[in-house]
Each structure stands twice: as structure tokens, then as C-alpha cells.
PDB file of all heavy atoms in Angstrom:
ATOM      1  N   ALA A   1       4.704  -8.240 -14.221  1.00  0.00           N
ATOM      2  CA  ALA A   1       6.170  -8.173 -14.218  1.00  0.00           C
ATOM      3  C   ALA A   1       6.633  -6.859 -13.602  1.00  0.00           C
ATOM      4  O   ALA A   1       7.606  -6.822 -12.828  1.00  0.00           O
ATOM      5  CB  ALA A   1       6.708  -8.316 -15.630  1.00  0.00           C
ATOM      6  N   LEU A   2       5.952  -5.766 -13.932  1.00  0.00           N
ATOM      7  CA  LEU A   2       6.288  -4.474 -13.342  1.00  0.00           C
ATOM      8  C   LEU A   2       6.053  -4.494 -11.838  1.00  0.00           C
ATOM      9  O   LEU A   2       6.886  -4.017 -11.055  1.00  0.00           O
ATOM     10  CB  LEU A   2       5.457  -3.377 -13.998  1.00  0.00           C
ATOM     11  CG  LEU A   2       5.544  -1.986 -13.371  1.00  0.00           C
ATOM     12  CD1 LEU A   2       6.954  -1.439 -13.474  1.00  0.00           C
ATOM     13  CD2 LEU A   2       4.533  -1.043 -14.020  1.00  0.00           C
ATOM     14  N   PHE A   3       4.912  -5.050 -11.419  1.00  0.00           N
ATOM     15  CA  PHE A   3       4.613  -5.109  -9.984  1.00  0.00           C
ATOM     16  C   PHE A   3       5.681  -5.904  -9.238  1.00  0.00           C
ATOM     17  O   PHE A   3       6.156  -5.486  -8.180  1.00  0.00           O
ATOM     18  CB  PHE A   3       3.240  -5.736  -9.766  1.00  0.00           C
ATOM     19  CG  PHE A   3       2.890  -5.925  -8.319  1.00  0.00           C
ATOM     20  CD1 PHE A   3       2.300  -4.897  -7.591  1.00  0.00           C
ATOM     21  CD2 PHE A   3       3.179  -7.112  -7.664  1.00  0.00           C
ATOM     22  CE1 PHE A   3       2.000  -5.062  -6.237  1.00  0.00           C
ATOM     23  CE2 PHE A   3       2.882  -7.288  -6.320  1.00  0.00           C
ATOM     24  CZ  PHE A   3       2.293  -6.252  -5.614  1.00  0.00           C
ATOM     25  N   ASN A   4       6.064  -7.059  -9.777  1.00  0.00           N
ATOM     26  CA  ASN A   4       7.080  -7.883  -9.109  1.00  0.00           C
ATOM     27  C   ASN A   4       8.413  -7.162  -9.012  1.00  0.00           C
ATOM     28  O   ASN A   4       9.160  -7.330  -8.031  1.00  0.00           O
ATOM     29  CB  ASN A   4       7.246  -9.204  -9.849  1.00  0.00           C
ATOM     30  CG  ASN A   4       6.102 -10.156  -9.596  1.00  0.00           C
ATOM     31  OD1 ASN A   4       5.496 -10.143  -8.527  1.00  0.00           O
ATOM     32  ND2 ASN A   4       5.787 -10.995 -10.575  1.00  0.00           N
ATOM     33  N   SER A   5       8.742  -6.363 -10.022  1.00  0.00           N
ATOM     34  CA  SER A   5       9.983  -5.602  -9.986  1.00  0.00           C
ATOM     35  C   SER A   5       9.961  -4.566  -8.862  1.00  0.00           C
ATOM     36  O   SER A   5      10.941  -4.406  -8.123  1.00  0.00           O
ATOM     37  CB  SER A   5      10.222  -4.924 -11.339  1.00  0.00           C
ATOM     38  OG  SER A   5      11.367  -4.112 -11.303  1.00  0.00           O
ATOM     39  N   VAL A   6       8.833  -3.866  -8.715  1.00  0.00           N
ATOM     40  CA  VAL A   6       8.707  -2.877  -7.641  1.00  0.00           C
ATOM     41  C   VAL A   6       8.697  -3.569  -6.284  1.00  0.00           C
ATOM     42  O   VAL A   6       9.299  -3.093  -5.318  1.00  0.00           O
ATOM     43  CB  VAL A   6       7.433  -2.033  -7.843  1.00  0.00           C
ATOM     44  CG1 VAL A   6       7.246  -1.058  -6.686  1.00  0.00           C
ATOM     45  CG2 VAL A   6       7.504  -1.275  -9.158  1.00  0.00           C
ATOM     46  N   LEU A   7       8.027  -4.710  -6.213  1.00  0.00           N
ATOM     47  CA  LEU A   7       7.962  -5.463  -4.951  1.00  0.00           C
ATOM     48  C   LEU A   7       9.351  -5.882  -4.482  1.00  0.00           C
ATOM     49  O   LEU A   7       9.681  -5.774  -3.289  1.00  0.00           O
ATOM     50  CB  LEU A   7       7.070  -6.690  -5.135  1.00  0.00           C
ATOM     51  CG  LEU A   7       6.991  -7.658  -3.952  1.00  0.00           C
ATOM     52  CD1 LEU A   7       6.307  -6.999  -2.768  1.00  0.00           C
ATOM     53  CD2 LEU A   7       6.254  -8.942  -4.358  1.00  0.00           C
ATOM     54  N   SER A   8      10.181  -6.350  -5.406  1.00  0.00           N
ATOM     55  CA  SER A   8      11.511  -6.812  -5.022  1.00  0.00           C
ATOM     56  C   SER A   8      12.388  -5.680  -4.501  1.00  0.00           C
ATOM     57  O   SER A   8      13.296  -5.914  -3.693  1.00  0.00           O
ATOM     58  CB  SER A   8      12.193  -7.483  -6.217  1.00  0.00           C
ATOM     59  OG  SER A   8      12.385  -6.548  -7.271  1.00  0.00           O
ATOM     60  N   ASP A   9      12.130  -4.444  -4.941  1.00  0.00           N
ATOM     61  CA  ASP A   9      12.933  -3.301  -4.507  1.00  0.00           C
ATOM     62  C   ASP A   9      12.449  -2.686  -3.197  1.00  0.00           C
ATOM     63  O   ASP A   9      13.156  -1.860  -2.604  1.00  0.00           O
ATOM     64  CB  ASP A   9      12.942  -2.223  -5.595  1.00  0.00           C
ATOM     65  CG  ASP A   9      13.684  -2.667  -6.847  1.00  0.00           C
ATOM     66  OD1 ASP A   9      14.538  -3.562  -6.728  1.00  0.00           O
ATOM     67  OD2 ASP A   9      13.401  -2.132  -7.933  1.00  0.00           O
ATOM     68  N   ALA A  10      11.249  -3.041  -2.748  1.00  0.00           N
ATOM     69  CA  ALA A  10      10.705  -2.452  -1.528  1.00  0.00           C
ATOM     70  C   ALA A  10      11.487  -2.938  -0.318  1.00  0.00           C
ATOM     71  O   ALA A  10      11.802  -4.121  -0.191  1.00  0.00           O
ATOM     72  CB  ALA A  10       9.226  -2.803  -1.384  1.00  0.00           C
ATOM     73  N   GLY A  11      11.808  -2.003   0.576  1.00  0.00           N
ATOM     74  CA  GLY A  11      12.561  -2.349   1.776  1.00  0.00           C
ATOM     75  C   GLY A  11      12.556  -1.212   2.768  1.00  0.00           C
ATOM     76  O   GLY A  11      11.863  -0.197   2.583  1.00  0.00           O
ATOM     77  N   PRO A  12      13.330  -1.328   3.842  1.00  0.00           N
ATOM     78  CA  PRO A  12      13.355  -0.284   4.873  1.00  0.00           C
ATOM     79  C   PRO A  12      13.731   1.089   4.327  1.00  0.00           C
ATOM     80  O   PRO A  12      13.306   2.107   4.882  1.00  0.00           O
ATOM     81  CB  PRO A  12      14.403  -0.803   5.866  1.00  0.00           C
ATOM     82  CG  PRO A  12      14.418  -2.279   5.662  1.00  0.00           C
ATOM     83  CD  PRO A  12      14.155  -2.485   4.202  1.00  0.00           C
ATOM     84  N   GLY A  13      14.522   1.145   3.257  1.00  0.00           N
ATOM     85  CA  GLY A  13      14.896   2.435   2.710  1.00  0.00           C
ATOM     86  C   GLY A  13      13.837   3.079   1.858  1.00  0.00           C
ATOM     87  O   GLY A  13      13.977   4.236   1.443  1.00  0.00           O
ATOM     88  N   THR A  14      12.739   2.370   1.577  1.00  0.00           N
ATOM     89  CA  THR A  14      11.680   2.931   0.735  1.00  0.00           C
ATOM     90  C   THR A  14      10.966   4.073   1.444  1.00  0.00           C
ATOM     91  O   THR A  14      10.626   5.085   0.818  1.00  0.00           O
ATOM     92  CB  THR A  14      10.670   1.835   0.355  1.00  0.00           C
ATOM     93  OG1 THR A  14      11.366   0.750  -0.276  1.00  0.00           O
ATOM     94  CG2 THR A  14       9.614   2.373  -0.598  1.00  0.00           C
ATOM     95  N   ILE A  15      10.715   3.929   2.748  1.00  0.00           N
ATOM     96  CA  ILE A  15      10.039   4.957   3.545  1.00  0.00           C
ATOM     97  C   ILE A  15      11.044   5.506   4.557  1.00  0.00           C
ATOM     98  O   ILE A  15      11.484   4.784   5.461  1.00  0.00           O
ATOM     99  CB  ILE A  15       8.810   4.381   4.273  1.00  0.00           C
ATOM    100  CG1 ILE A  15       7.840   3.747   3.265  1.00  0.00           C
ATOM    101  CG2 ILE A  15       8.111   5.466   5.075  1.00  0.00           C
ATOM    102  CD1 ILE A  15       7.280   4.736   2.254  1.00  0.00           C
ATOM    103  N   PRO A  16      11.425   6.774   4.429  1.00  0.00           N
ATOM    104  CA  PRO A  16      12.467   7.310   5.318  1.00  0.00           C
ATOM    105  C   PRO A  16      12.019   7.491   6.765  1.00  0.00           C
ATOM    106  O   PRO A  16      12.848   7.481   7.671  1.00  0.00           O
ATOM    107  CB  PRO A  16      12.816   8.657   4.671  1.00  0.00           C
ATOM    108  CG  PRO A  16      11.585   9.049   3.897  1.00  0.00           C
ATOM    109  CD  PRO A  16      10.988   7.758   3.419  1.00  0.00           C
ATOM    110  N   LEU A  17      10.720   7.661   6.996  1.00  0.00           N
ATOM    111  CA  LEU A  17      10.238   7.909   8.356  1.00  0.00           C
ATOM    112  C   LEU A  17      10.112   6.595   9.106  1.00  0.00           C
ATOM    113  O   LEU A  17       9.406   5.679   8.672  1.00  0.00           O
ATOM    114  CB  LEU A  17       8.887   8.635   8.316  1.00  0.00           C
ATOM    115  CG  LEU A  17       8.302   9.056   9.667  1.00  0.00           C
ATOM    116  CD1 LEU A  17       9.245  10.020  10.387  1.00  0.00           C
ATOM    117  CD2 LEU A  17       6.929   9.705   9.470  1.00  0.00           C
ATOM    118  N   GLY A  18      10.820   6.453  10.231  1.00  0.00           N
ATOM    119  CA  GLY A  18      10.802   5.227  11.007  1.00  0.00           C
ATOM    120  C   GLY A  18       9.516   5.043  11.777  1.00  0.00           C
ATOM    121  O   GLY A  18       8.608   5.880  11.762  1.00  0.00           O
ATOM    122  N   GLY A  19       9.450   3.904  12.481  1.00  0.00           N
ATOM    123  CA  GLY A  19       8.234   3.584  13.215  1.00  0.00           C
ATOM    124  C   GLY A  19       7.255   2.836  12.331  1.00  0.00           C
ATOM    125  O   GLY A  19       7.556   2.451  11.202  1.00  0.00           O
ATOM    126  N   THR A  20       6.040   2.639  12.861  1.00  0.00           N
ATOM    127  CA  THR A  20       4.991   1.958  12.104  1.00  0.00           C
ATOM    128  C   THR A  20       3.658   2.632  12.374  1.00  0.00           C
ATOM    129  O   THR A  20       3.295   2.843  13.533  1.00  0.00           O
ATOM    130  CB  THR A  20       4.885   0.473  12.504  1.00  0.00           C
ATOM    131  OG1 THR A  20       6.157  -0.152  12.354  1.00  0.00           O
ATOM    132  CG2 THR A  20       3.868  -0.246  11.630  1.00  0.00           C
ATOM    133  N   SER A  21       2.931   2.972  11.302  1.00  0.00           N
ATOM    134  CA  SER A  21       1.606   3.576  11.420  1.00  0.00           C
ATOM    135  C   SER A  21       0.658   2.832  10.495  1.00  0.00           C
ATOM    136  O   SER A  21       0.669   3.029   9.272  1.00  0.00           O
ATOM    137  CB  SER A  21       1.647   5.062  11.060  1.00  0.00           C
ATOM    138  OG  SER A  21       0.327   5.613  11.103  1.00  0.00           O
ATOM    139  N   LEU A  22      -0.137   1.933  11.062  1.00  0.00           N
ATOM    140  CA  LEU A  22      -1.133   1.206  10.273  1.00  0.00           C
ATOM    141  C   LEU A  22      -2.208   2.147   9.741  1.00  0.00           C
ATOM    142  O   LEU A  22      -2.721   1.958   8.634  1.00  0.00           O
ATOM    143  CB  LEU A  22      -1.754   0.105  11.129  1.00  0.00           C
ATOM    144  CG  LEU A  22      -0.820  -1.043  11.531  1.00  0.00           C
ATOM    145  CD1 LEU A  22      -1.487  -1.947  12.574  1.00  0.00           C
ATOM    146  CD2 LEU A  22      -0.432  -1.862  10.313  1.00  0.00           C
ATOM    147  N   ALA A  23      -2.554   3.175  10.500  1.00  0.00           N
ATOM    148  CA  ALA A  23      -3.567   4.134  10.051  1.00  0.00           C
ATOM    149  C   ALA A  23      -3.106   4.870   8.802  1.00  0.00           C
ATOM    150  O   ALA A  23      -3.894   5.137   7.893  1.00  0.00           O
ATOM    151  CB  ALA A  23      -3.888   5.122  11.175  1.00  0.00           C
ATOM    152  N   ALA A  24      -1.811   5.197   8.728  1.00  0.00           N
ATOM    153  CA  ALA A  24      -1.284   5.873   7.541  1.00  0.00           C
ATOM    154  C   ALA A  24      -1.414   4.986   6.309  1.00  0.00           C
ATOM    155  O   ALA A  24      -1.716   5.467   5.211  1.00  0.00           O
ATOM    156  CB  ALA A  24       0.173   6.263   7.768  1.00  0.00           C
ATOM    157  N   ALA A  25      -1.190   3.679   6.466  1.00  0.00           N
ATOM    158  CA  ALA A  25      -1.340   2.760   5.338  1.00  0.00           C
ATOM    159  C   ALA A  25      -2.779   2.703   4.858  1.00  0.00           C
ATOM    160  O   ALA A  25      -3.051   2.680   3.650  1.00  0.00           O
ATOM    161  CB  ALA A  25      -0.856   1.369   5.749  1.00  0.00           C
ATOM    162  N   LEU A  26      -3.748   2.696   5.791  1.00  0.00           N
ATOM    163  CA  LEU A  26      -5.158   2.639   5.419  1.00  0.00           C
ATOM    164  C   LEU A  26      -5.598   3.927   4.729  1.00  0.00           C
ATOM    165  O   LEU A  26      -6.379   3.897   3.776  1.00  0.00           O
ATOM    166  CB  LEU A  26      -6.010   2.371   6.659  1.00  0.00           C
ATOM    167  CG  LEU A  26      -5.730   1.037   7.387  1.00  0.00           C
ATOM    168  CD1 LEU A  26      -6.595   0.921   8.631  1.00  0.00           C
ATOM    169  CD2 LEU A  26      -5.968  -0.134   6.461  1.00  0.00           C
ATOM    170  N   GLU A  27      -5.107   5.048   5.209  1.00  0.00           N
ATOM    171  CA  GLU A  27      -5.465   6.324   4.583  1.00  0.00           C
ATOM    172  C   GLU A  27      -4.879   6.438   3.175  1.00  0.00           C
ATOM    173  O   GLU A  27      -5.512   6.977   2.262  1.00  0.00           O
ATOM    174  CB  GLU A  27      -4.990   7.481   5.462  1.00  0.00           C
ATOM    175  CG  GLU A  27      -5.747   7.579   6.791  1.00  0.00           C
ATOM    176  CD  GLU A  27      -5.108   8.561   7.749  1.00  0.00           C
ATOM    177  OE1 GLU A  27      -4.059   9.143   7.361  1.00  0.00           O
ATOM    178  OE2 GLU A  27      -5.632   8.734   8.868  1.00  0.00           O
ATOM    179  N   GLU A  28      -3.681   5.923   2.989  1.00  0.00           N
ATOM    180  CA  GLU A  28      -3.086   5.926   1.655  1.00  0.00           C
ATOM    181  C   GLU A  28      -3.852   4.997   0.722  1.00  0.00           C
ATOM    182  O   GLU A  28      -3.989   5.280  -0.481  1.00  0.00           O
ATOM    183  CB  GLU A  28      -1.620   5.498   1.735  1.00  0.00           C
ATOM    184  CG  GLU A  28      -0.892   5.458   0.415  1.00  0.00           C
ATOM    185  CD  GLU A  28      -0.744   6.812  -0.242  1.00  0.00           C
ATOM    186  OE1 GLU A  28      -0.884   7.835   0.463  1.00  0.00           O
ATOM    187  OE2 GLU A  28      -0.491   6.844  -1.465  1.00  0.00           O
ATOM    188  N   ALA A  29      -4.376   3.903   1.248  1.00  0.00           N
ATOM    189  CA  ALA A  29      -5.149   2.970   0.423  1.00  0.00           C
ATOM    190  C   ALA A  29      -6.420   3.607  -0.112  1.00  0.00           C
ATOM    191  O   ALA A  29      -6.859   3.294  -1.227  1.00  0.00           O
ATOM    192  CB  ALA A  29      -5.480   1.723   1.235  1.00  0.00           C
ATOM    193  N   ALA A  30      -7.013   4.513   0.652  1.00  0.00           N
ATOM    194  CA  ALA A  30      -8.217   5.201   0.180  1.00  0.00           C
ATOM    195  C   ALA A  30      -7.928   6.002  -1.079  1.00  0.00           C
ATOM    196  O   ALA A  30      -8.811   6.173  -1.929  1.00  0.00           O
ATOM    197  CB  ALA A  30      -8.757   6.111   1.290  1.00  0.00           C
ATOM    198  N   ARG A  31      -6.695   6.485  -1.238  1.00  0.00           N
ATOM    199  CA  ARG A  31      -6.311   7.220  -2.441  1.00  0.00           C
ATOM    200  C   ARG A  31      -5.849   6.297  -3.565  1.00  0.00           C
ATOM    201  O   ARG A  31      -5.876   6.673  -4.734  1.00  0.00           O
ATOM    202  CB  ARG A  31      -5.213   8.225  -2.105  1.00  0.00           C
ATOM    203  CG  ARG A  31      -5.645   9.321  -1.148  1.00  0.00           C
ATOM    204  CD  ARG A  31      -4.544  10.346  -0.938  1.00  0.00           C
ATOM    205  NE  ARG A  31      -3.484   9.812  -0.094  1.00  0.00           N
ATOM    206  CZ  ARG A  31      -3.463   9.942   1.230  1.00  0.00           C
ATOM    207  NH1 ARG A  31      -4.462  10.565   1.862  1.00  0.00           N
ATOM    208  NH2 ARG A  31      -2.468   9.438   1.943  1.00  0.00           N
ATOM    209  N   ALA A  32      -5.418   5.091  -3.212  1.00  0.00           N
ATOM    210  CA  ALA A  32      -4.902   4.174  -4.228  1.00  0.00           C
ATOM    211  C   ALA A  32      -6.005   3.501  -5.022  1.00  0.00           C
ATOM    212  O   ALA A  32      -5.810   3.161  -6.194  1.00  0.00           O
ATOM    213  CB  ALA A  32      -4.022   3.105  -3.557  1.00  0.00           C
ATOM    214  N   PHE A  33      -7.178   3.311  -4.412  1.00  0.00           N
ATOM    215  CA  PHE A  33      -8.290   2.685  -5.120  1.00  0.00           C
ATOM    216  C   PHE A  33      -9.022   3.708  -5.972  1.00  0.00           C
ATOM    217  O   PHE A  33      -9.202   4.861  -5.554  1.00  0.00           O
ATOM    218  CB  PHE A  33      -9.272   2.043  -4.140  1.00  0.00           C
ATOM    219  CG  PHE A  33      -8.802   0.739  -3.565  1.00  0.00           C
ATOM    220  CD1 PHE A  33      -8.335   0.677  -2.263  1.00  0.00           C
ATOM    221  CD2 PHE A  33      -8.838  -0.420  -4.325  1.00  0.00           C
ATOM    222  CE1 PHE A  33      -7.908  -0.527  -1.728  1.00  0.00           C
ATOM    223  CE2 PHE A  33      -8.403  -1.628  -3.789  1.00  0.00           C
ATOM    224  CZ  PHE A  33      -7.941  -1.681  -2.490  1.00  0.00           C
ATOM    225  N   PRO A  34      -9.507   3.320  -7.156  1.00  0.00           N
ATOM    226  CA  PRO A  34     -10.309   4.246  -7.966  1.00  0.00           C
ATOM    227  C   PRO A  34     -11.678   4.435  -7.336  1.00  0.00           C
ATOM    228  O   PRO A  34     -12.249   3.500  -6.765  1.00  0.00           O
ATOM    229  CB  PRO A  34     -10.409   3.535  -9.322  1.00  0.00           C
ATOM    230  CG  PRO A  34     -10.266   2.084  -8.999  1.00  0.00           C
ATOM    231  CD  PRO A  34      -9.324   2.023  -7.824  1.00  0.00           C
ATOM    232  N   PRO A  35     -12.242   5.634  -7.417  1.00  0.00           N
ATOM    233  CA  PRO A  35     -13.577   5.854  -6.849  1.00  0.00           C
ATOM    234  C   PRO A  35     -14.644   5.194  -7.713  1.00  0.00           C
ATOM    235  O   PRO A  35     -14.827   5.527  -8.872  1.00  0.00           O
ATOM    236  CB  PRO A  35     -13.713   7.387  -6.864  1.00  0.00           C
ATOM    237  CG  PRO A  35     -12.797   7.831  -7.974  1.00  0.00           C
ATOM    238  CD  PRO A  35     -11.662   6.861  -8.000  1.00  0.00           C
ATOM    239  N   ARG A  36     -15.335   4.217  -7.169  1.00  0.00           N
ATOM    240  CA  ARG A  36     -16.421   3.556  -7.887  1.00  0.00           C
ATOM    241  C   ARG A  36     -17.331   2.892  -6.874  1.00  0.00           C
ATOM    242  O   ARG A  36     -16.953   2.667  -5.720  1.00  0.00           O
ATOM    243  CB  ARG A  36     -15.886   2.532  -8.876  1.00  0.00           C
ATOM    244  CG  ARG A  36     -15.306   1.279  -8.229  1.00  0.00           C
ATOM    245  CD  ARG A  36     -14.766   0.324  -9.264  1.00  0.00           C
ATOM    246  NE  ARG A  36     -14.393  -0.950  -8.653  1.00  0.00           N
ATOM    247  CZ  ARG A  36     -13.705  -1.890  -9.267  1.00  0.00           C
ATOM    248  NH1 ARG A  36     -13.289  -1.698 -10.495  1.00  0.00           N
ATOM    249  NH2 ARG A  36     -13.428  -3.028  -8.654  1.00  0.00           N
ATOM    250  N   GLU A  37     -18.510   2.511  -7.331  1.00  0.00           N
ATOM    251  CA  GLU A  37     -19.467   1.852  -6.463  1.00  0.00           C
ATOM    252  C   GLU A  37     -19.323   0.345  -6.553  1.00  0.00           C
ATOM    253  O   GLU A  37     -18.789  -0.191  -7.511  1.00  0.00           O
ATOM    254  CB  GLU A  37     -20.896   2.268  -6.837  1.00  0.00           C
ATOM    255  CG  GLU A  37     -21.165   3.756  -6.663  1.00  0.00           C
ATOM    256  CD  GLU A  37     -22.573   4.114  -7.045  1.00  0.00           C
ATOM    257  OE1 GLU A  37     -23.292   3.212  -7.525  1.00  0.00           O
ATOM    258  OE2 GLU A  37     -22.957   5.277  -6.870  1.00  0.00           O
ATOM    259  N   GLY A  38     -19.829  -0.334  -5.557  1.00  0.00           N
ATOM    260  CA  GLY A  38     -19.801  -1.786  -5.571  1.00  0.00           C
ATOM    261  C   GLY A  38     -18.545  -2.343  -4.940  1.00  0.00           C
ATOM    262  O   GLY A  38     -17.698  -1.626  -4.402  1.00  0.00           O
ATOM    263  N   GLY A  39     -18.426  -3.673  -5.003  1.00  0.00           N
ATOM    264  CA  GLY A  39     -17.301  -4.353  -4.387  1.00  0.00           C
ATOM    265  C   GLY A  39     -16.178  -4.579  -5.378  1.00  0.00           C
ATOM    266  O   GLY A  39     -15.926  -3.776  -6.275  1.00  0.00           O
ATOM    267  N   GLY A  40     -15.508  -5.711  -5.194  1.00  0.00           N
ATOM    268  CA  GLY A  40     -14.404  -6.026  -6.085  1.00  0.00           C
ATOM    269  C   GLY A  40     -13.123  -5.304  -5.773  1.00  0.00           C
ATOM    270  O   GLY A  40     -12.208  -5.258  -6.597  1.00  0.00           O
ATOM    271  N   ARG A  41     -13.019  -4.726  -4.560  1.00  0.00           N
ATOM    272  CA  ARG A  41     -11.807  -4.028  -4.147  1.00  0.00           C
ATOM    273  C   ARG A  41     -11.356  -4.590  -2.792  1.00  0.00           C
ATOM    274  O   ARG A  41     -12.138  -4.651  -1.845  1.00  0.00           O
ATOM    275  CB  ARG A  41     -12.044  -2.520  -4.046  1.00  0.00           C
ATOM    276  CG  ARG A  41     -12.347  -1.866  -5.382  1.00  0.00           C
ATOM    277  CD  ARG A  41     -12.618  -0.375  -5.221  1.00  0.00           C
ATOM    278  NE  ARG A  41     -13.859  -0.127  -4.486  1.00  0.00           N
ATOM    279  CZ  ARG A  41     -14.260   1.076  -4.093  1.00  0.00           C
ATOM    280  NH1 ARG A  41     -13.506   2.145  -4.356  1.00  0.00           N
ATOM    281  NH2 ARG A  41     -15.395   1.224  -3.445  1.00  0.00           N
ATOM    282  N   VAL A  42     -10.088  -4.984  -2.730  1.00  0.00           N
ATOM    283  CA  VAL A  42      -9.561  -5.649  -1.541  1.00  0.00           C
ATOM    284  C   VAL A  42      -8.254  -4.979  -1.136  1.00  0.00           C
ATOM    285  O   VAL A  42      -7.387  -4.718  -1.985  1.00  0.00           O
ATOM    286  CB  VAL A  42      -9.311  -7.151  -1.798  1.00  0.00           C
ATOM    287  CG1 VAL A  42      -8.779  -7.827  -0.542  1.00  0.00           C
ATOM    288  CG2 VAL A  42     -10.577  -7.829  -2.289  1.00  0.00           C
ATOM    289  N   LEU A  43      -8.125  -4.704   0.148  1.00  0.00           N
ATOM    290  CA  LEU A  43      -6.881  -4.194   0.713  1.00  0.00           C
ATOM    291  C   LEU A  43      -6.271  -5.281   1.588  1.00  0.00           C
ATOM    292  O   LEU A  43      -6.897  -5.757   2.538  1.00  0.00           O
ATOM    293  CB  LEU A  43      -7.127  -2.929   1.538  1.00  0.00           C
ATOM    294  CG  LEU A  43      -5.929  -2.412   2.340  1.00  0.00           C
ATOM    295  CD1 LEU A  43      -4.785  -2.003   1.403  1.00  0.00           C
ATOM    296  CD2 LEU A  43      -6.333  -1.247   3.240  1.00  0.00           C
ATOM    297  N   VAL A  44      -5.048  -5.685   1.258  1.00  0.00           N
ATOM    298  CA  VAL A  44      -4.327  -6.688   2.040  1.00  0.00           C
ATOM    299  C   VAL A  44      -3.218  -5.971   2.802  1.00  0.00           C
ATOM    300  O   VAL A  44      -2.295  -5.429   2.205  1.00  0.00           O
ATOM    301  CB  VAL A  44      -3.736  -7.787   1.130  1.00  0.00           C
ATOM    302  CG1 VAL A  44      -2.946  -8.790   1.964  1.00  0.00           C
ATOM    303  CG2 VAL A  44      -4.844  -8.488   0.356  1.00  0.00           C
ATOM    304  N   VAL A  45      -3.322  -5.947   4.130  1.00  0.00           N
ATOM    305  CA  VAL A  45      -2.346  -5.281   4.990  1.00  0.00           C
ATOM    306  C   VAL A  45      -1.430  -6.339   5.584  1.00  0.00           C
ATOM    307  O   VAL A  45      -1.873  -7.181   6.377  1.00  0.00           O
ATOM    308  CB  VAL A  45      -3.035  -4.472   6.105  1.00  0.00           C
ATOM    309  CG1 VAL A  45      -1.994  -3.759   6.959  1.00  0.00           C
ATOM    310  CG2 VAL A  45      -4.023  -3.476   5.517  1.00  0.00           C
ATOM    311  N   ILE A  46      -0.160  -6.318   5.218  1.00  0.00           N
ATOM    312  CA  ILE A  46       0.813  -7.302   5.697  1.00  0.00           C
ATOM    313  C   ILE A  46       1.724  -6.616   6.705  1.00  0.00           C
ATOM    314  O   ILE A  46       2.465  -5.688   6.366  1.00  0.00           O
ATOM    315  CB  ILE A  46       1.642  -7.876   4.538  1.00  0.00           C
ATOM    316  CG1 ILE A  46       0.720  -8.448   3.465  1.00  0.00           C
ATOM    317  CG2 ILE A  46       2.598  -8.943   5.041  1.00  0.00           C
ATOM    318  CD1 ILE A  46       1.445  -9.001   2.263  1.00  0.00           C
ATOM    319  N   SER A  47       1.701  -7.079   7.947  1.00  0.00           N
ATOM    320  CA  SER A  47       2.468  -6.425   9.008  1.00  0.00           C
ATOM    321  C   SER A  47       2.671  -7.384  10.173  1.00  0.00           C
ATOM    322  O   SER A  47       1.993  -8.420  10.277  1.00  0.00           O
ATOM    323  CB  SER A  47       1.728  -5.164   9.479  1.00  0.00           C
ATOM    324  OG  SER A  47       2.383  -4.564  10.580  1.00  0.00           O
TER     325      SER A  47
END
């Protein structure tokens, strides 16, 4: 429920810097995942 609430609020005003950087999204994902071994971690990039 919390995730859906944040998802509904996401929009162009969420990130003030214009343009698109896919590399920036991937680098941020490296910090979003907890450090652990093995699989079970998936990054879905929607663009």
C-alpha cells in the first residue's frame, strides 16, 4: 500500500533535472539493493 502511494505520486516534478540518463538509474539501483550474495534481486527499468 505504501509503495502504490509513492508510485501514484511519481511524475515529472519528482526529479528536477531534465533529460534522461539510464546510467544514473542503474548506478542508483546499486545503492538501492542490499549487499548480499546470490540471486533473487531484479532491476526493472521502464523507459
